[in-house]
N, C-alpha and C. Protein backbone atom coordinates (compact mmCIF):
# COMPACT_ATOMS: atom_id res chain seq x y z
N UNK A 1 -15.01 239.63 -32.56
CA UNK A 1 -14.24 240.69 -32.13
C UNK A 1 -12.75 240.82 -31.52
N UNK A 2 -12.97 242.03 -32.18
CA UNK A 2 -11.73 242.77 -31.46
C UNK A 2 -11.26 242.76 -30.11
N UNK A 3 -9.87 242.71 -29.45
CA UNK A 3 -9.69 243.07 -28.24
C UNK A 3 -10.71 244.59 -27.64
N UNK A 4 -10.31 245.17 -28.43
CA UNK A 4 -10.87 246.87 -28.29
C UNK A 4 -12.09 246.57 -27.91
N UNK A 5 -13.08 245.75 -28.35
CA UNK A 5 -14.57 246.06 -28.09
C UNK A 5 -14.58 245.01 -26.83
N UNK A 6 -13.73 244.34 -26.42
CA UNK A 6 -14.07 243.14 -24.77
C UNK A 6 -14.44 244.57 -24.12
N UNK A 7 -14.81 245.59 -24.00
CA UNK A 7 -15.28 246.32 -23.08
C UNK A 7 -16.29 246.32 -22.12
N UNK A 8 -16.39 245.62 -20.81
CA UNK A 8 -17.21 245.02 -19.68
C UNK A 8 -17.77 246.09 -18.91
N UNK A 9 -17.26 247.73 -19.51
CA UNK A 9 -18.15 248.52 -18.02
C UNK A 9 -19.08 248.68 -18.47
N UNK A 10 -20.20 248.95 -17.41
CA UNK A 10 -21.42 249.24 -17.25
C UNK A 10 -21.90 250.52 -17.32
N UNK A 11 -20.96 251.41 -17.67
CA UNK A 11 -21.02 252.49 -18.14
C UNK A 11 -20.93 253.25 -19.41
N UNK A 12 -21.39 252.12 -20.49
CA UNK A 12 -21.65 252.55 -21.55
C UNK A 12 -22.88 253.34 -21.17
N UNK A 13 -23.26 254.44 -22.18
CA UNK A 13 -24.41 254.81 -22.43
C UNK A 13 -25.29 254.39 -23.13
N UNK A 14 -26.53 253.76 -22.83
CA UNK A 14 -27.69 253.31 -23.52
C UNK A 14 -28.35 254.21 -24.82
N UNK A 15 -28.29 254.20 -25.34
CA UNK A 15 -29.06 255.25 -26.63
C UNK A 15 -30.12 254.68 -26.30
N UNK A 16 -31.48 255.53 -26.36
CA UNK A 16 -32.83 255.27 -26.98
C UNK A 16 -33.65 255.28 -25.78
N UNK A 17 -35.00 255.43 -25.78
CA UNK A 17 -35.79 255.34 -24.90
C UNK A 17 -36.57 253.70 -24.22
N UNK A 18 -36.29 252.99 -25.52
CA UNK A 18 -36.55 251.53 -25.79
C UNK A 18 -35.64 250.70 -26.11
N UNK A 19 -35.08 249.73 -25.43
CA UNK A 19 -34.17 249.10 -25.69
C UNK A 19 -34.23 247.48 -26.49
N UNK A 20 -34.13 247.23 -27.88
CA UNK A 20 -34.34 246.09 -27.96
C UNK A 20 -33.11 245.12 -27.34
N UNK A 21 -33.66 243.87 -26.77
CA UNK A 21 -32.81 242.82 -26.22
C UNK A 21 -33.28 241.33 -26.59
N UNK A 22 -32.02 241.00 -27.43
CA UNK A 22 -32.43 239.83 -28.30
C UNK A 22 -31.38 238.54 -27.48
N UNK A 23 -32.16 237.55 -28.17
CA UNK A 23 -31.50 236.05 -27.49
C UNK A 23 -31.03 235.33 -28.75
N UNK A 24 -29.80 235.29 -29.57
CA UNK A 24 -29.53 234.44 -30.37
C UNK A 24 -28.50 233.34 -30.12
N UNK A 25 -28.78 232.10 -31.38
CA UNK A 25 -27.60 231.67 -31.21
C UNK A 25 -26.68 231.83 -31.79
N UNK A 26 -25.73 232.50 -31.15
CA UNK A 26 -24.28 232.75 -31.68
C UNK A 26 -23.93 234.56 -31.75
N UNK A 27 -24.33 235.04 -30.36
CA UNK A 27 -24.49 236.75 -30.44
C UNK A 27 -22.94 237.32 -30.94
N UNK A 28 -22.02 236.83 -30.51
CA UNK A 28 -20.62 237.31 -31.00
C UNK A 28 -20.68 237.51 -32.29
N UNK A 29 -21.79 236.20 -33.04
CA UNK A 29 -21.48 236.02 -34.90
C UNK A 29 -22.86 237.53 -35.45
N UNK A 30 -23.58 237.17 -33.98
CA UNK A 30 -24.67 238.22 -34.71
C UNK A 30 -24.23 239.58 -34.75
N UNK A 31 -23.64 240.14 -33.95
CA UNK A 31 -22.97 241.11 -33.99
C UNK A 31 -22.23 241.67 -34.80
N UNK A 32 -21.17 240.61 -35.57
CA UNK A 32 -20.36 240.90 -36.23
C UNK A 32 -21.29 240.91 -38.05
N UNK A 33 -22.43 240.09 -37.70
CA UNK A 33 -23.49 240.52 -39.06
C UNK A 33 -23.93 241.63 -39.02
N UNK A 34 -24.11 242.55 -37.91
CA UNK A 34 -25.05 243.66 -37.41
C UNK A 34 -24.47 244.45 -38.50
N UNK A 35 -22.93 244.38 -37.57
CA UNK A 35 -22.04 245.57 -38.22
C UNK A 35 -21.41 245.98 -39.82
N UNK A 36 -21.59 244.28 -40.73
CA UNK A 36 -21.75 244.21 -41.71
C UNK A 36 -22.80 245.25 -42.48
N UNK A 37 -24.14 244.02 -41.84
CA UNK A 37 -25.44 244.79 -42.60
C UNK A 37 -26.21 246.11 -42.27
N UNK A 38 -25.90 246.62 -41.12
CA UNK A 38 -26.78 247.84 -40.91
C UNK A 38 -25.67 248.71 -39.94
N UNK A 39 -24.60 248.50 -40.22
CA UNK A 39 -23.05 249.42 -39.72
C UNK A 39 -23.39 249.62 -38.26
N UNK A 40 -23.70 248.51 -37.29
CA UNK A 40 -23.46 248.59 -35.65
C UNK A 40 -22.24 248.91 -35.48
N UNK A 41 -21.81 249.64 -33.96
CA UNK A 41 -21.02 249.58 -33.80
C UNK A 41 -20.89 248.97 -31.99
N UNK A 42 -19.96 248.21 -31.47
CA UNK A 42 -19.78 247.16 -30.76
C UNK A 42 -19.92 248.78 -29.35
N UNK A 43 -20.43 248.76 -28.33
CA UNK A 43 -20.13 249.74 -27.17
C UNK A 43 -19.72 249.07 -26.38
N UNK A 44 -20.35 247.50 -25.88
CA UNK A 44 -19.71 247.01 -24.91
C UNK A 44 -19.84 245.40 -24.74
N UNK A 45 -18.45 244.25 -24.52
CA UNK A 45 -19.02 243.08 -24.54
C UNK A 45 -18.60 242.01 -23.79
N UNK A 46 -18.90 240.94 -22.92
CA UNK A 46 -18.20 240.22 -21.87
C UNK A 46 -17.68 239.38 -22.95
N UNK A 47 -16.74 238.89 -22.36
CA UNK A 47 -16.37 237.80 -23.78
C UNK A 47 -16.52 236.08 -23.22
N UNK A 48 -16.56 235.75 -24.30
CA UNK A 48 -17.63 234.24 -24.30
C UNK A 48 -16.77 233.76 -23.27
N UNK A 49 -18.28 231.99 -23.29
CA UNK A 49 -17.04 231.34 -22.18
C UNK A 49 -16.65 230.44 -22.89
N UNK A 50 -16.39 229.40 -22.37
CA UNK A 50 -15.49 228.54 -23.20
C UNK A 50 -16.36 227.41 -24.15
N UNK A 51 -17.77 227.86 -24.48
CA UNK A 51 -18.73 227.41 -25.16
C UNK A 51 -18.82 228.34 -26.16
N UNK A 52 -18.20 228.95 -25.94
CA UNK A 52 -18.49 230.57 -27.55
C UNK A 52 -19.50 231.25 -26.95
N UNK A 53 -20.15 231.25 -25.99
CA UNK A 53 -21.33 231.89 -25.60
C UNK A 53 -21.09 233.20 -25.14
N UNK A 54 -21.79 234.48 -24.66
CA UNK A 54 -21.52 235.47 -24.28
C UNK A 54 -22.74 235.94 -23.64
N UNK A 55 -22.66 236.52 -22.79
CA UNK A 55 -24.08 236.63 -21.63
C UNK A 55 -24.50 238.16 -22.25
N UNK A 56 -23.91 239.23 -22.60
CA UNK A 56 -24.14 240.31 -23.07
C UNK A 56 -23.03 240.98 -23.95
N UNK A 57 -23.79 241.56 -25.18
CA UNK A 57 -23.24 242.54 -26.07
C UNK A 57 -24.29 244.12 -26.17
N UNK A 58 -23.12 244.91 -26.33
CA UNK A 58 -24.46 246.33 -26.79
C UNK A 58 -23.84 246.66 -27.34
N UNK A 59 -24.51 246.94 -28.67
CA UNK A 59 -24.46 247.61 -29.82
C UNK A 59 -25.17 248.98 -29.82
N UNK A 60 -24.73 249.55 -30.73
CA UNK A 60 -25.02 250.84 -31.48
C UNK A 60 -25.78 250.84 -32.35
N UNK A 61 -26.97 251.24 -33.00
CA UNK A 61 -27.16 250.85 -34.42
C UNK A 61 -28.35 251.94 -34.49
N UNK A 62 -27.74 252.59 -35.40
CA UNK A 62 -28.76 253.75 -36.18
C UNK A 62 -28.66 254.47 -35.05
N UNK A 63 -28.39 254.56 -34.32
CA UNK A 63 -28.99 255.87 -32.75
C UNK A 63 -28.87 255.32 -32.04
N UNK A 64 -29.09 254.32 -31.65
CA UNK A 64 -30.03 253.01 -30.47
C UNK A 64 -29.18 252.13 -30.18
N UNK A 65 -29.71 252.06 -29.06
CA UNK A 65 -29.13 250.58 -28.56
C UNK A 65 -30.03 249.47 -28.70
N UNK A 66 -28.76 248.66 -29.18
CA UNK A 66 -29.62 247.28 -29.38
C UNK A 66 -28.57 246.16 -28.59
N UNK A 67 -29.29 245.39 -27.91
CA UNK A 67 -28.25 244.14 -26.89
C UNK A 67 -28.52 243.01 -26.94
N UNK A 68 -27.71 241.78 -26.84
CA UNK A 68 -27.85 240.46 -27.44
C UNK A 68 -27.27 240.02 -26.88
N UNK A 69 -27.80 238.53 -26.40
CA UNK A 69 -26.57 237.22 -25.48
C UNK A 69 -27.13 236.34 -26.62
N UNK A 70 -26.13 235.12 -26.00
CA UNK A 70 -26.15 233.76 -26.34
C UNK A 70 -27.76 232.86 -25.22
N UNK A 71 -27.81 232.51 -25.50
CA UNK A 71 -29.02 230.93 -24.98
C UNK A 71 -28.32 230.76 -23.53
N UNK A 72 -28.58 230.48 -22.99
CA UNK A 72 -28.12 229.97 -21.23
C UNK A 72 -29.08 229.56 -20.48
N UNK A 73 -29.26 227.83 -21.61
CA UNK A 73 -30.65 227.15 -20.57
C UNK A 73 -30.27 226.36 -19.21
N UNK A 74 -29.16 226.19 -18.95
CA UNK A 74 -28.83 225.98 -17.75
C UNK A 74 -29.34 226.65 -16.45
N UNK A 75 -29.39 228.20 -16.89
CA UNK A 75 -29.81 229.37 -16.31
C UNK A 75 -31.44 229.64 -16.33
N UNK A 76 -31.60 228.72 -16.79
CA UNK A 76 -33.29 229.07 -17.33
C UNK A 76 -33.51 229.95 -18.44
N UNK A 77 -32.85 230.11 -19.46
CA UNK A 77 -32.88 230.64 -20.70
C UNK A 77 -32.56 230.38 -21.69
N UNK A 78 -33.72 229.14 -22.22
CA UNK A 78 -33.60 228.39 -23.44
C UNK A 78 -33.52 229.31 -24.70
N UNK A 79 -32.92 229.04 -25.55
CA UNK A 79 -33.31 229.63 -27.05
C UNK A 79 -34.42 229.17 -27.07
N UNK A 80 -35.36 230.38 -28.04
CA UNK A 80 -36.58 230.15 -28.54
C UNK A 80 -36.69 231.24 -29.81
N UNK A 81 -37.30 230.49 -30.84
CA UNK A 81 -37.62 231.26 -32.14
C UNK A 81 -37.81 232.31 -31.93
N UNK A 82 -37.41 233.51 -33.10
CA UNK A 82 -38.15 234.89 -32.48
C UNK A 82 -39.80 234.75 -33.43
N UNK A 83 -40.65 235.58 -32.60
CA UNK A 83 -41.77 235.39 -33.01
C UNK A 83 -42.49 236.57 -33.11
N UNK A 84 -43.61 237.43 -33.32
CA UNK A 84 -44.26 238.01 -33.44
C UNK A 84 -43.96 239.44 -33.31
N UNK A 85 -42.35 239.71 -33.68
CA UNK A 85 -42.27 241.30 -33.44
C UNK A 85 -41.59 241.79 -35.03
N UNK A 86 -41.06 242.87 -35.44
CA UNK A 86 -40.12 243.33 -36.24
C UNK A 86 -39.30 243.79 -35.62
N UNK A 87 -38.11 244.29 -35.92
CA UNK A 87 -37.29 245.84 -36.13
C UNK A 87 -37.14 246.78 -36.86
N UNK A 88 -37.36 247.86 -36.52
CA UNK A 88 -37.65 248.90 -37.62
C UNK A 88 -36.39 249.62 -37.43
N UNK A 89 -35.98 249.76 -38.69
CA UNK A 89 -34.70 251.00 -39.28
C UNK A 89 -35.09 251.55 -39.75
N UNK A 90 -35.44 253.51 -39.18
CA UNK A 90 -35.67 254.43 -39.90
C UNK A 90 -34.38 254.34 -40.84
N UNK A 91 -34.65 255.08 -42.45
CA UNK A 91 -33.58 254.61 -42.89
C UNK A 91 -33.43 256.05 -43.69
N UNK A 92 -32.75 257.11 -44.40
CA UNK A 92 -32.53 257.78 -45.42
C UNK A 92 -32.51 257.66 -47.10
N UNK A 93 -31.82 256.20 -46.89
CA UNK A 93 -31.47 256.03 -48.45
C UNK A 93 -31.52 254.35 -48.33
N UNK A 94 -33.29 253.86 -48.67
CA UNK A 94 -33.24 252.20 -48.38
C UNK A 94 -33.01 251.18 -49.03
N UNK A 95 -32.84 251.75 -50.44
CA UNK A 95 -32.30 250.99 -51.60
C UNK A 95 -30.79 250.75 -51.08
N UNK A 96 -30.20 251.57 -50.94
CA UNK A 96 -28.88 251.22 -50.39
C UNK A 96 -28.59 250.25 -49.28
N UNK A 97 -29.06 250.83 -48.22
CA UNK A 97 -29.75 250.05 -46.80
C UNK A 97 -29.83 248.69 -47.19
N UNK A 98 -30.70 248.55 -47.96
CA UNK A 98 -31.35 247.19 -48.04
C UNK A 98 -30.25 245.94 -48.92
N UNK A 99 -29.67 246.72 -49.72
CA UNK A 99 -28.93 246.25 -50.62
C UNK A 99 -27.35 245.52 -49.16
N UNK A 100 -27.61 246.74 -49.06
CA UNK A 100 -26.37 246.22 -47.86
C UNK A 100 -26.40 245.03 -46.80
N UNK A 101 -27.56 245.13 -46.36
CA UNK A 101 -28.43 244.05 -45.41
C UNK A 101 -28.18 242.53 -46.32
N UNK A 102 -28.43 242.65 -47.84
CA UNK A 102 -29.02 241.43 -48.61
C UNK A 102 -27.15 240.91 -48.72
N UNK A 103 -26.90 242.22 -49.29
CA UNK A 103 -25.15 241.62 -49.65
C UNK A 103 -24.85 240.98 -48.00
N UNK A 104 -24.64 241.44 -47.16
CA UNK A 104 -24.43 240.55 -45.58
C UNK A 104 -24.56 239.58 -45.44
N UNK A 105 -25.40 239.71 -45.95
CA UNK A 105 -26.18 237.65 -45.50
C UNK A 105 -27.78 237.91 -45.02
N UNK A 106 -28.29 239.01 -45.05
CA UNK A 106 -29.85 238.93 -45.15
C UNK A 106 -30.78 238.51 -45.79
N UNK A 107 -31.92 237.39 -45.40
CA UNK A 107 -32.86 237.22 -47.00
C UNK A 107 -33.72 238.07 -47.28
N UNK A 108 -33.87 238.95 -48.45
CA UNK A 108 -35.19 239.27 -48.85
C UNK A 108 -36.93 238.50 -48.39
N UNK A 109 -37.34 239.48 -47.88
CA UNK A 109 -38.86 238.94 -47.59
C UNK A 109 -39.44 239.93 -48.29
N UNK A 110 -39.65 241.37 -48.32
CA UNK A 110 -40.26 242.30 -49.02
C UNK A 110 -39.88 243.53 -50.01
N UNK A 111 -39.12 243.58 -50.92
CA UNK A 111 -38.13 244.68 -51.54
C UNK A 111 -38.75 245.62 -51.28
N UNK A 112 -38.07 246.61 -51.02
CA UNK A 112 -38.50 248.24 -50.94
C UNK A 112 -39.45 248.99 -52.03
N UNK A 113 -40.52 249.36 -51.57
CA UNK A 113 -41.54 249.72 -52.53
C UNK A 113 -42.00 250.66 -51.92
N UNK A 114 -43.22 251.48 -52.80
CA UNK A 114 -43.63 253.08 -52.38
C UNK A 114 -45.06 251.88 -51.66
N UNK A 115 -45.22 252.41 -50.22
CA UNK A 115 -46.46 252.11 -49.83
C UNK A 115 -47.43 252.93 -49.58
N UNK A 116 -48.90 252.36 -49.46
CA UNK A 116 -49.48 253.53 -49.30
C UNK A 116 -49.83 254.49 -48.26
N UNK A 117 -48.66 254.26 -47.73
CA UNK A 117 -48.79 255.77 -46.44
C UNK A 117 -47.62 256.44 -47.18
N UNK A 118 -47.26 256.47 -48.32
CA UNK A 118 -46.69 257.45 -48.72
C UNK A 118 -45.03 257.19 -48.89
N UNK A 119 -44.67 256.18 -47.48
CA UNK A 119 -43.12 255.97 -47.46
C UNK A 119 -42.49 255.02 -47.98
N UNK A 120 -41.34 254.36 -48.38
CA UNK A 120 -40.77 253.57 -48.51
C UNK A 120 -40.31 252.47 -47.92
N UNK A 121 -40.69 251.03 -47.95
CA UNK A 121 -40.35 250.36 -47.37
C UNK A 121 -40.39 248.68 -47.32
N UNK A 122 -40.07 247.86 -46.81
CA UNK A 122 -39.25 246.44 -47.42
C UNK A 122 -38.74 245.88 -46.16
N UNK A 123 -38.29 244.37 -45.86
CA UNK A 123 -38.57 243.93 -45.36
C UNK A 123 -37.59 243.01 -45.30
N UNK A 124 -36.67 242.06 -44.64
CA UNK A 124 -35.83 241.27 -45.11
C UNK A 124 -34.95 240.29 -43.55
N UNK A 125 -34.81 239.27 -43.01
CA UNK A 125 -34.82 238.36 -41.94
C UNK A 125 -33.41 237.79 -42.18
N UNK A 126 -32.94 238.67 -40.90
CA UNK A 126 -31.36 238.33 -40.77
C UNK A 126 -30.74 236.69 -40.27
N UNK A 127 -30.17 235.90 -40.73
CA UNK A 127 -29.32 234.55 -40.56
C UNK A 127 -30.07 234.04 -39.21
N UNK A 128 -30.23 234.95 -38.02
CA UNK A 128 -30.60 234.36 -36.74
C UNK A 128 -31.68 234.86 -36.79
N UNK A 129 -32.67 234.55 -38.37
CA UNK A 129 -34.34 234.19 -37.54
C UNK A 129 -35.15 235.96 -37.21
N UNK A 130 -34.26 236.97 -37.10
CA UNK A 130 -34.76 238.13 -36.83
C UNK A 130 -35.30 238.38 -38.01
N UNK A 131 -36.57 239.34 -38.24
CA UNK A 131 -37.53 240.06 -39.25
C UNK A 131 -36.86 241.72 -38.64
N UNK A 132 -36.57 242.26 -39.55
CA UNK A 132 -36.02 243.58 -39.87
C UNK A 132 -36.92 244.28 -41.03
N UNK A 133 -37.14 245.33 -40.87
CA UNK A 133 -38.29 246.39 -41.65
C UNK A 133 -37.06 247.27 -42.17
N UNK A 134 -37.69 248.36 -42.77
CA UNK A 134 -36.73 249.65 -43.02
C UNK A 134 -37.86 250.15 -43.95
N UNK A 135 -37.72 251.57 -43.42
CA UNK A 135 -38.75 252.91 -44.07
C UNK A 135 -37.71 253.89 -44.00
N UNK A 136 -37.83 254.42 -45.77
CA UNK A 136 -37.59 255.46 -45.70
C UNK A 136 -38.73 256.75 -45.85
N UNK A 137 -38.89 257.80 -44.96
CA UNK A 137 -40.19 257.96 -44.57
C UNK A 137 -40.03 259.05 -45.92
N UNK A 138 -41.32 259.84 -46.44
CA UNK A 138 -41.45 260.68 -47.23
C UNK A 138 -40.71 261.40 -47.71
N UNK A 139 -40.90 262.73 -46.90
CA UNK A 139 -39.97 263.37 -46.91
C UNK A 139 -38.92 263.26 -47.30
N UNK A 140 -38.14 262.40 -47.30
CA UNK A 140 -36.44 262.13 -47.52
C UNK A 140 -36.40 261.34 -48.80
N UNK A 141 -37.37 261.00 -49.59
CA UNK A 141 -37.50 260.93 -50.70
C UNK A 141 -37.53 261.43 -51.76
N UNK A 142 -36.41 261.27 -52.85
CA UNK A 142 -35.80 262.18 -53.91
C UNK A 142 -37.61 262.69 -54.87
N UNK A 143 -37.88 264.21 -54.92
CA UNK A 143 -39.05 264.62 -55.67
C UNK A 143 -38.43 264.05 -57.33
N UNK A 144 -39.30 263.96 -58.36
CA UNK A 144 -39.88 263.99 -59.56
C UNK A 144 -39.87 265.11 -60.30
């Protein structure tokens, strides 16, 4: 993270009505990955402790806030494997967005394809175990 992103201000605006807060192993690395893979921008971050863990990073991704932190088991917050959820990105060019994420290090789970509901949809998993889906609405698909 750059020194400019070491903003600890609580006044950073939250974007979106539902904010996802992830706990990962390596929040600083995750934020850097999300910037490369999904175009995330760092809104605020607390500096890492002596073990390299941070208690809070606030990102802007695709017009919404995404927050993350490292696990702190000594304070009752152990790391647990992600399960039973998927983060969905609505995109205008799924093929380019998917390729960017894979190039950044995401693992393909389901390549983009036209779905029965008419949109193009695909899934990938980030290096921190989080499953991401991408959806390109039918209205933004090129017509033949």
